[in-house]
């Protein structure tokens, strides 16, 4: 048994298919099929059976998968420990991020990281919050750039920054009459309760940007009349700009998207928890490597 063979079994379990696992592992399907046949023969019991949705682990297969995950985790922890002890600083840092977070965070952090650890390869995976949580729980990532709250896992995290949310709507929207200024602020303020009875353009419920929007609406006592749901914050913003409805977004996203019909942006009081917290998440059962700790510190410095 070696680590490569353990990775083969985990890939088969994840993909539920010999052919798909072979593609992910960059081996041929016959070679992977032969490996599984020989392993099951050596063990004297099948590890997988074929079901309607693909290959399903037997009880022995489930135990083998659990053992493989534990052994690989222990092996990776040992490799990281050796790396730190020897100060070779060689290896790979696996970073997860949403496309939006990565677009404004990583350009600030990666150049500094590369100068400090020139021999560390940075591998970046993009996905929504649900995907990133799954990858963290499976130890597929060293760190992930995310926003609280974590919905499906218990993991460690370091808080980086808290960012305000804004409400957005068209320049001829009736809510413009509800705006009020505050000295020294970029945008005016609004009481979100004034949006009761208005139509909303929101993201899908599994997206963190929607979950923060739902929290604001709940604090305001509003059950939203959702006229359109979209996975794109940019699309929601553009629809808000042409008067289709009201939407919410983090303040930093305003700089990412430009609209032909520029919406009105406004802040909301802290009582409505109109913010989200940016964190770097890492698996709860691992010891952070030196490069991972450095990545977190550089990310914190970028927001100072």
Protein backbone atom coordinates (compact mmCIF):
# COMPACT_ATOMS: atom_id res chain seq x y z
CA UNK A 1 0.00 0.00 0.00
CA UNK A 2 1.25 3.48 -0.86
CA UNK A 3 -0.27 6.95 -0.85
CA UNK A 4 -0.96 6.82 -4.57
CA UNK A 5 -3.11 3.70 -4.14
CA UNK A 6 -5.04 5.40 -1.33
CA UNK A 7 -5.66 8.38 -3.62
CA UNK A 8 -6.97 5.95 -6.28
CA UNK A 9 -9.61 4.57 -3.89
CA UNK A 10 -10.67 8.04 -2.73
CA UNK A 11 -11.01 9.21 -6.33
CA UNK A 12 -13.19 6.21 -7.22
CA UNK A 13 -15.37 6.85 -4.15
CA UNK A 14 -15.72 10.54 -4.98
CA UNK A 15 -16.46 10.13 -8.71
CA UNK A 16 -18.50 6.89 -8.31
CA UNK A 17 -17.06 5.84 -11.66
CA UNK A 18 -13.86 4.12 -12.81
CA UNK A 19 -13.71 6.14 -16.02
CA UNK A 20 -14.28 9.53 -14.30
CA UNK A 21 -11.77 8.70 -11.56
CA UNK A 22 -9.21 7.64 -14.15
CA UNK A 23 -9.65 10.95 -15.94
CA UNK A 24 -9.08 12.89 -12.71
CA UNK A 25 -6.02 10.79 -11.84
CA UNK A 26 -4.52 10.95 -15.35
CA UNK A 27 -4.37 7.16 -15.64
CA UNK A 28 -6.08 4.86 -18.11
CA UNK A 29 -9.40 3.27 -17.28
CA UNK A 30 -8.14 -0.31 -17.78
CA UNK A 31 -5.20 0.34 -15.45
CA UNK A 32 -7.44 1.72 -12.69
CA UNK A 33 -9.95 -1.10 -13.13
CA UNK A 34 -7.16 -3.67 -12.89
CA UNK A 35 -5.81 -1.97 -9.75
CA UNK A 36 -9.22 -2.20 -8.05
CA UNK A 37 -9.70 -5.84 -9.08
CA UNK A 38 -6.28 -6.82 -7.70
CA UNK A 39 -6.81 -4.89 -4.46
CA UNK A 40 -10.21 -6.50 -3.85
CA UNK A 41 -8.65 -9.91 -4.57
CA UNK A 42 -5.86 -9.25 -2.05
CA UNK A 43 -8.36 -8.14 0.57
CA UNK A 44 -10.74 -10.99 -0.16
CA UNK A 45 -13.80 -8.73 -0.29
CA UNK A 46 -15.33 -6.23 -2.71
CA UNK A 47 -14.90 -2.55 -1.90
CA UNK A 48 -17.57 -1.26 -4.31
CA UNK A 49 -20.78 -2.51 -5.85
CA UNK A 50 -22.51 -1.01 -8.85
CA UNK A 51 -25.76 0.83 -8.13
CA UNK A 52 -28.16 2.99 -10.10
CA UNK A 53 -26.07 6.12 -9.41
CA UNK A 54 -22.68 4.48 -9.98
CA UNK A 55 -20.18 2.67 -7.75
CA UNK A 56 -21.27 2.46 -4.11
CA UNK A 57 -18.85 1.48 -1.30
CA UNK A 58 -19.55 -1.72 0.58
CA UNK A 59 -19.10 -1.73 4.35
CA UNK A 60 -15.51 -2.85 3.80
CA UNK A 61 -15.16 -0.10 1.21
CA UNK A 62 -16.40 2.54 3.65
CA UNK A 63 -13.86 1.41 6.23
CA UNK A 64 -11.09 1.40 3.60
CA UNK A 65 -12.07 4.95 2.55
CA UNK A 66 -12.00 6.15 6.17
CA UNK A 67 -8.58 4.57 6.66
CA UNK A 68 -7.30 6.14 3.42
CA UNK A 69 -8.44 9.60 4.47
CA UNK A 70 -6.78 9.27 7.87
CA UNK A 71 -3.50 7.90 6.50
CA UNK A 72 -3.26 10.57 3.81
CA UNK A 73 -4.01 13.32 6.33
CA UNK A 74 -1.32 12.01 8.70
CA UNK A 75 1.12 11.75 5.80
CA UNK A 76 0.45 15.32 4.62
CA UNK A 77 0.82 16.62 8.19
CA UNK A 78 4.18 14.83 8.44
CA UNK A 79 5.32 16.27 5.11
CA UNK A 80 4.43 19.77 6.28
CA UNK A 81 6.28 19.21 9.54
CA UNK A 82 9.39 18.07 7.66
CA UNK A 83 9.08 21.09 5.39
CA UNK A 84 8.99 23.44 8.37
CA UNK A 85 11.82 21.67 10.19
CA UNK A 86 14.14 21.62 7.19
CA UNK A 87 13.13 25.15 6.09
CA UNK A 88 13.19 23.96 2.49
CA UNK A 89 9.92 25.81 1.87
CA UNK A 90 9.03 23.63 -1.07
CA UNK A 91 5.61 22.30 -1.91
CA UNK A 92 2.15 23.50 -2.82
CA UNK A 93 -0.37 25.75 -1.12
CA UNK A 94 -3.96 24.95 -2.12
CA UNK A 95 -6.16 28.04 -1.88
CA UNK A 96 -9.92 28.11 -2.39
CA UNK A 97 -11.89 31.23 -3.19
CA UNK A 98 -15.02 32.53 -4.81
CA UNK A 99 -14.43 34.30 -8.11
CA UNK A 100 -15.37 37.68 -6.66
CA UNK A 101 -13.23 37.45 -3.53
CA UNK A 102 -10.28 36.14 -5.51
CA UNK A 103 -10.48 38.94 -8.03
CA UNK A 104 -9.75 41.67 -5.47
CA UNK A 105 -7.87 39.80 -2.72
CA UNK A 106 -5.42 37.51 -4.50
CA UNK A 107 -3.76 40.19 -6.69
CA UNK A 108 -2.76 41.93 -3.44
CA UNK A 109 -1.55 38.82 -1.64
CA UNK A 110 -0.03 36.41 -4.18
CA UNK A 111 2.84 38.67 -5.39
CA UNK A 112 3.98 39.22 -1.78
CA UNK A 113 3.64 35.52 -1.02
CA UNK A 114 5.69 34.54 -4.08
CA UNK A 115 8.52 36.83 -3.03
CA UNK A 116 8.58 35.25 0.43
CA UNK A 117 8.11 31.65 -0.74
CA UNK A 118 9.37 31.52 -4.33
CA UNK A 119 9.47 27.71 -4.34
CA UNK A 120 5.91 27.21 -3.14
CA UNK A 121 3.43 26.54 -5.95
CA UNK A 122 0.07 28.20 -5.29
CA UNK A 123 -2.90 26.22 -6.61
CA UNK A 124 -6.20 28.15 -6.74
CA UNK A 125 -9.65 26.53 -6.85
CA UNK A 126 -12.79 28.60 -7.38
CA UNK A 127 -16.29 27.77 -6.20
CA UNK A 128 -19.26 29.08 -4.26
CA UNK A 129 -19.39 28.93 -0.46
CA UNK A 130 -21.05 25.52 -0.43
CA UNK A 131 -18.35 24.02 -2.66
CA UNK A 132 -15.53 25.60 -0.65
CA UNK A 133 -16.95 24.30 2.63
CA UNK A 134 -17.10 20.80 1.13
CA UNK A 135 -13.48 21.04 -0.04
CA UNK A 136 -12.29 22.29 3.35
CA UNK A 137 -14.10 19.47 5.16
CA UNK A 138 -12.44 16.94 2.82
CA UNK A 139 -8.97 18.46 3.35
CA UNK A 140 -8.78 19.28 -0.34
CA UNK A 141 -7.72 22.85 0.48
CA UNK A 142 -5.15 24.29 2.85
CA UNK A 143 -7.03 27.58 3.20
CA UNK A 144 -10.17 29.17 1.74
CA UNK A 145 -11.15 32.83 1.39
CA UNK A 146 -14.77 32.99 2.52
CA UNK A 147 -17.40 34.97 4.38
CA UNK A 148 -19.18 33.97 7.57
CA UNK A 149 -21.31 32.25 8.59
CA UNK A 150 -20.09 28.74 7.87
CA UNK A 151 -23.24 26.75 7.14
CA UNK A 152 -22.30 23.09 6.80
CA UNK A 153 -19.00 22.52 8.60
CA UNK A 154 -17.07 23.23 11.76
CA UNK A 155 -13.65 24.61 10.88
CA UNK A 156 -11.04 27.03 12.11
CA UNK A 157 -10.84 30.51 10.69
CA UNK A 158 -9.04 33.81 11.09
CA UNK A 159 -11.11 36.98 10.78
CA UNK A 160 -9.64 39.40 8.24
CA UNK A 161 -12.13 42.23 7.87
CA UNK A 162 -15.77 43.22 8.22
CA UNK A 163 -17.32 44.87 5.17
CA UNK A 164 -20.51 46.90 4.94
CA UNK A 165 -23.41 45.96 2.70
CA UNK A 166 -25.30 48.50 0.63
CA UNK A 167 -28.82 48.58 -0.74
CA UNK A 168 -29.12 49.42 -4.46
CA UNK A 169 -32.03 50.62 -6.58
CA UNK A 170 -32.69 52.84 -9.60
CA UNK A 171 -32.32 56.62 -9.58
CA UNK A 172 -36.07 57.07 -10.12
CA UNK A 173 -37.12 54.53 -7.48
CA UNK A 174 -39.58 55.76 -4.78
CA UNK A 175 -37.04 54.81 -2.11
CA UNK A 176 -34.92 57.78 -3.12
CA UNK A 177 -37.27 59.89 -1.04
CA UNK A 178 -36.25 57.89 2.05
CA UNK A 179 -32.52 58.62 1.85
CA UNK A 180 -30.77 60.74 4.46
CA UNK A 181 -27.13 61.90 4.58
CA UNK A 182 -24.48 61.40 7.25
CA UNK A 183 -21.38 63.52 7.42
CA UNK A 184 -18.19 61.92 6.14
CA UNK A 185 -19.91 58.94 4.48
CA UNK A 186 -19.51 57.96 0.82
CA UNK A 187 -23.19 57.09 0.38
CA UNK A 188 -26.42 58.21 2.06
CA UNK A 189 -28.30 56.01 4.52
CA UNK A 190 -31.71 54.34 4.42
CA UNK A 191 -33.82 52.47 6.91
CA UNK A 192 -34.28 49.08 5.16
CA UNK A 193 -37.77 48.83 6.65
CA UNK A 194 -38.74 51.49 4.10
CA UNK A 195 -38.35 48.78 1.41
CA UNK A 196 -41.33 46.78 2.72
CA UNK A 197 -43.71 46.09 -0.14
CA UNK A 198 -41.05 46.65 -2.82
CA UNK A 199 -39.89 44.03 -5.32
CA UNK A 200 -36.44 42.48 -4.91
CA UNK A 201 -33.77 40.99 -7.17
CA UNK A 202 -31.71 38.54 -5.10
CA UNK A 203 -29.11 35.81 -5.45
CA UNK A 204 -29.85 32.11 -4.94
CA UNK A 205 -30.32 30.94 -1.32
CA UNK A 206 -27.13 28.83 -1.32
CA UNK A 207 -24.98 31.91 -2.05
CA UNK A 208 -23.43 33.73 0.89
CA UNK A 209 -24.37 37.13 -0.61
CA UNK A 210 -28.03 36.04 -0.48
CA UNK A 211 -27.75 34.73 3.07
CA UNK A 212 -26.55 38.14 4.26
CA UNK A 213 -29.37 39.80 2.30
CA UNK A 214 -31.88 37.49 3.99
CA UNK A 215 -30.46 38.44 7.39
CA UNK A 216 -30.92 42.15 6.66
CA UNK A 217 -34.50 41.56 5.49
CA UNK A 218 -35.28 39.43 8.55
CA UNK A 219 -33.94 42.16 10.87
CA UNK A 220 -36.14 44.65 8.99
CA UNK A 221 -39.18 42.37 9.36
CA UNK A 222 -39.60 42.05 5.58
CA UNK A 223 -40.74 38.97 3.69
CA UNK A 224 -39.38 39.91 0.25
CA UNK A 225 -41.42 39.87 -2.94
CA UNK A 226 -38.69 38.37 -5.15
CA UNK A 227 -39.28 39.17 -8.80
CA UNK A 228 -36.02 37.61 -10.05
CA UNK A 229 -33.33 35.29 -8.69
CA UNK A 230 -29.85 35.18 -10.24
CA UNK A 231 -26.46 33.69 -9.39
CA UNK A 232 -24.73 36.86 -10.63
CA UNK A 233 -24.36 39.90 -8.38
CA UNK A 234 -23.58 41.92 -11.49
CA UNK A 235 -26.85 40.88 -13.14
CA UNK A 236 -28.82 41.74 -9.98
CA UNK A 237 -27.12 45.14 -9.88
CA UNK A 238 -27.94 45.89 -13.51
CA UNK A 239 -31.57 44.95 -13.03
CA UNK A 240 -31.72 47.17 -9.97
CA UNK A 241 -30.26 50.00 -12.03
CA UNK A 242 -33.07 49.83 -14.59
CA UNK A 243 -35.78 49.76 -11.93
CA UNK A 244 -36.70 46.07 -11.82
CA UNK A 245 -36.25 45.84 -8.07
CA UNK A 246 -34.09 46.39 -4.98
CA UNK A 247 -30.93 44.38 -4.32
CA UNK A 248 -28.09 44.15 -1.78
CA UNK A 249 -24.35 43.75 -2.27
CA UNK A 250 -21.03 44.25 -0.43
CA UNK A 251 -19.61 47.75 -0.82
CA UNK A 252 -16.38 46.50 -2.44
CA UNK A 253 -18.34 44.91 -5.29
CA UNK A 254 -19.39 48.35 -6.51
CA UNK A 255 -15.90 48.83 -7.94
CA UNK A 256 -15.99 45.46 -9.70
CA UNK A 257 -19.11 46.18 -11.76
CA UNK A 258 -20.01 49.16 -13.88
CA UNK A 259 -23.56 49.55 -15.17
CA UNK A 260 -24.95 51.58 -18.04
CA UNK A 261 -27.73 52.64 -15.69
CA UNK A 262 -25.84 53.32 -12.47
CA UNK A 263 -27.97 52.47 -9.40
CA UNK A 264 -28.24 54.49 -6.22
CA UNK A 265 -26.27 52.96 -3.33
CA UNK A 266 -27.02 53.50 0.34
CA UNK A 267 -25.82 52.26 3.72
CA UNK A 268 -27.93 50.78 6.50
CA UNK A 269 -27.55 51.05 10.28
CA UNK A 270 -25.63 48.39 12.23
CA UNK A 271 -28.89 47.31 13.92
CA UNK A 272 -29.76 45.45 10.71
CA UNK A 273 -26.41 43.57 10.61
CA UNK A 274 -25.79 44.92 7.11
CA UNK A 275 -22.28 43.53 6.76
CA UNK A 276 -20.39 40.34 6.16
CA UNK A 277 -17.18 39.11 7.76
CA UNK A 278 -14.29 38.08 5.52
CA UNK A 279 -12.26 35.17 6.94
CA UNK A 280 -9.57 32.71 5.94
CA UNK A 281 -10.86 29.22 6.76
CA UNK A 282 -8.73 26.11 7.27
CA UNK A 283 -9.58 22.52 8.27
CA UNK A 284 -10.16 22.04 11.95
CA UNK A 285 -8.08 18.87 12.28
CA UNK A 286 -4.78 19.95 10.72
CA UNK A 287 -1.69 21.87 11.75
CA UNK A 288 -1.13 24.92 9.57
CA UNK A 289 2.12 24.88 7.61
CA UNK A 290 4.51 27.82 7.61
CA UNK A 291 3.45 28.93 4.11
CA UNK A 292 -0.25 28.71 5.08
CA UNK A 293 0.37 30.85 8.16
CA UNK A 294 2.31 33.34 6.04
CA UNK A 295 -0.54 33.49 3.52
CA UNK A 296 -3.01 34.33 6.30
CA UNK A 297 -0.73 37.04 7.73
CA UNK A 298 -0.22 38.61 4.30
CA UNK A 299 -3.98 38.60 3.74
CA UNK A 300 -4.48 40.39 7.07
CA UNK A 301 -1.81 42.95 6.19
CA UNK A 302 -3.46 43.64 2.84
CA UNK A 303 -6.57 44.79 4.72
CA UNK A 304 -4.83 46.94 7.34
